[in-house]
Amino acid sequence: MRQDVSSTLPAGQALVVDNPYGDVRLRFGGYENVLELHAVTQQPEAGKTIALKPSVDGDRYRIAPRLPEGTLVAPGQRLDMVILVPLGHAVSVHTERGLIESRGVRADIELRSTAGDIAVRGTQGSVRAETGPGSI
């Protein structure tokens, strides 16, 4: 299942992404304050649906997909994202085992994965990256 979301952000609004279900790929999204999110879910028939409802949390735009309370991830279930980040919008990303990749982003980024790999290329801004047994 594919989901596409486009949101106009206030200039400079920070972005927080917390995806425990898969990969997050960041790409440069242009000079307008428009964020584009493209998500693909692998949804087994037995699994509950992962809800993807971006929201504003204080002064940050938050993308944090979640299963219903008390539900576990079904075997083979995942949600991977590509996020087109506009110029000057700082990004903080957290995954559990999923890959985090940033290419060409023009903003400060903070990338944390419990056990996934992190790759950064062509990013213009400060970069902070941390992972457990994954590679950077």
Protein backbone atom coordinates (compact mmCIF):
# COMPACT_ATOMS: atom_id res chain seq x y z
CA MET A 1 0.00 0.00 0.00
CA ARG A 2 1.36 3.44 -0.92
CA GLN A 3 0.56 6.71 0.86
CA ASP A 4 1.55 10.17 -0.36
CA VAL A 5 1.32 13.31 1.79
CA SER A 6 2.24 16.88 0.87
CA SER A 7 2.34 19.61 3.53
CA THR A 8 3.23 23.29 3.41
CA LEU A 9 5.40 24.11 6.44
CA PRO A 10 6.10 27.45 8.09
CA ALA A 11 9.58 28.69 7.10
CA GLY A 12 12.27 26.88 9.10
CA GLN A 13 9.89 24.53 10.95
CA ALA A 14 11.83 21.49 12.21
CA LEU A 15 10.83 17.98 11.22
CA VAL A 16 10.82 14.96 13.57
CA VAL A 17 10.54 11.44 12.13
CA ASP A 18 10.14 8.38 14.37
CA ASN A 19 9.70 5.21 12.31
CA PRO A 20 10.16 1.95 14.25
CA TYR A 21 8.81 -0.10 11.30
CA GLY A 22 11.32 0.39 8.48
CA ASP A 23 13.64 2.66 6.51
CA VAL A 24 13.71 6.46 6.20
CA ARG A 25 15.28 8.10 3.15
CA LEU A 26 15.71 11.87 3.11
CA ARG A 27 16.13 13.82 -0.14
CA PHE A 28 16.37 17.52 -0.96
CA GLY A 29 12.85 18.75 -1.63
CA GLY A 30 13.39 22.16 -3.20
CA TYR A 31 13.24 25.80 -2.25
CA GLU A 32 9.56 26.11 -1.34
CA ASN A 33 8.41 25.18 2.18
CA VAL A 34 6.62 22.08 0.90
CA LEU A 35 7.40 18.70 2.42
CA GLU A 36 6.53 15.56 0.49
CA LEU A 37 6.21 12.16 2.15
CA HIS A 38 5.97 8.93 0.17
CA ALA A 39 5.42 5.80 2.24
CA VAL A 40 5.11 2.17 1.21
CA THR A 41 3.65 -0.36 3.63
CA GLN A 42 4.03 -4.11 3.41
CA GLN A 43 0.83 -5.19 5.11
CA PRO A 44 0.21 -8.90 5.82
CA GLU A 45 -3.47 -9.86 5.98
CA ALA A 46 -3.14 -10.87 9.63
CA GLY A 47 -1.50 -7.59 10.69
CA LYS A 48 -3.20 -4.47 12.01
CA THR A 49 -2.77 -1.33 9.90
CA ILE A 50 0.11 1.02 10.70
CA ALA A 51 -1.43 4.49 11.01
CA LEU A 52 0.48 7.29 9.29
CA LYS A 53 -0.92 10.67 10.35
CA PRO A 54 1.65 13.49 10.37
CA SER A 55 0.92 16.21 12.92
CA VAL A 56 2.25 19.43 14.42
CA ASP A 57 3.79 18.93 17.86
CA GLY A 58 4.59 22.35 19.34
CA ASP A 59 6.91 24.02 16.84
CA ARG A 60 7.79 20.77 15.02
CA TYR A 61 6.18 18.80 12.23
CA ARG A 62 6.04 15.17 13.40
CA ILE A 63 5.86 11.97 11.35
CA ALA A 64 5.46 9.00 13.69
CA PRO A 65 3.59 5.99 12.27
CA ARG A 66 2.07 3.72 14.90
CA LEU A 67 0.21 0.45 15.25
CA PRO A 68 -2.86 0.42 17.51
CA GLU A 69 -2.03 0.37 21.24
CA GLY A 70 -1.01 -3.10 22.43
CA THR A 71 -0.48 -4.47 18.91
CA LEU A 72 2.74 -6.14 17.76
CA VAL A 73 4.28 -5.96 14.30
CA ALA A 74 3.18 -8.93 12.18
CA PRO A 75 5.85 -11.04 10.43
CA GLY A 76 6.83 -9.30 7.19
CA GLN A 77 5.09 -6.05 8.12
CA ARG A 78 7.01 -2.81 7.52
CA LEU A 79 6.65 0.82 6.50
CA ASP A 80 9.39 2.55 4.48
CA MET A 81 9.45 6.29 3.79
CA VAL A 82 11.02 8.73 1.36
CA ILE A 83 10.78 12.32 2.59
CA LEU A 84 11.56 15.31 0.36
CA VAL A 85 12.85 17.94 2.79
CA PRO A 86 12.67 21.61 1.75
CA LEU A 87 15.64 23.95 2.17
CA GLY A 88 16.36 25.02 5.76
CA HIS A 89 14.08 22.63 7.64
CA ALA A 90 16.18 20.78 10.25
CA VAL A 91 15.42 17.06 10.53
CA SER A 92 15.66 14.56 13.38
CA VAL A 93 15.14 10.88 12.46
CA HIS A 94 14.92 7.78 14.64
CA THR A 95 14.52 4.16 13.52
CA GLU A 96 14.81 0.82 15.30
CA ARG A 97 16.44 -1.47 12.70
CA GLY A 98 15.69 0.48 9.56
CA LEU A 99 18.22 2.19 7.33
CA ILE A 100 18.47 5.98 7.50
CA GLU A 101 19.79 7.63 4.36
CA SER A 102 20.24 11.35 3.62
CA ARG A 103 21.14 12.58 0.13
CA GLY A 104 21.45 16.22 -0.82
CA VAL A 105 19.48 17.57 2.16
CA ARG A 106 20.16 21.27 2.76
CA ALA A 107 19.56 21.52 6.50
CA ASP A 108 20.93 20.30 9.81
CA ILE A 109 20.20 16.62 10.41
CA GLU A 110 20.27 14.36 13.46
CA LEU A 111 20.05 10.63 12.69
CA ARG A 112 19.65 7.88 15.32
CA SER A 113 19.05 4.19 14.79
CA THR A 114 18.93 1.52 17.47
CA ALA A 115 20.47 -1.08 15.14
CA GLY A 116 20.20 0.15 11.54
CA ASP A 117 22.76 1.52 9.12
CA ILE A 118 23.13 5.26 8.44
CA ALA A 119 24.34 6.77 5.14
CA VAL A 120 24.86 10.47 4.42
CA ARG A 121 25.88 11.99 1.09
CA GLY A 122 25.89 15.57 -0.19
CA THR A 123 24.18 17.01 2.87
CA GLN A 124 24.71 20.74 3.46
CA GLY A 125 24.36 21.43 7.18
CA SER A 126 25.52 19.89 10.42
CA VAL A 127 25.26 16.11 10.73
CA ARG A 128 24.91 14.09 13.93
CA ALA A 129 24.62 10.33 13.50
CA GLU A 130 24.41 7.52 16.05
CA THR A 131 23.68 3.81 15.76
CA GLY A 132 24.20 0.67 17.82
CA PRO A 133 25.59 -2.29 15.85
CA GLY A 134 24.79 -0.66 12.49
CA SER A 135 27.34 1.14 10.33
CA ILE A 136 27.73 4.84 9.52
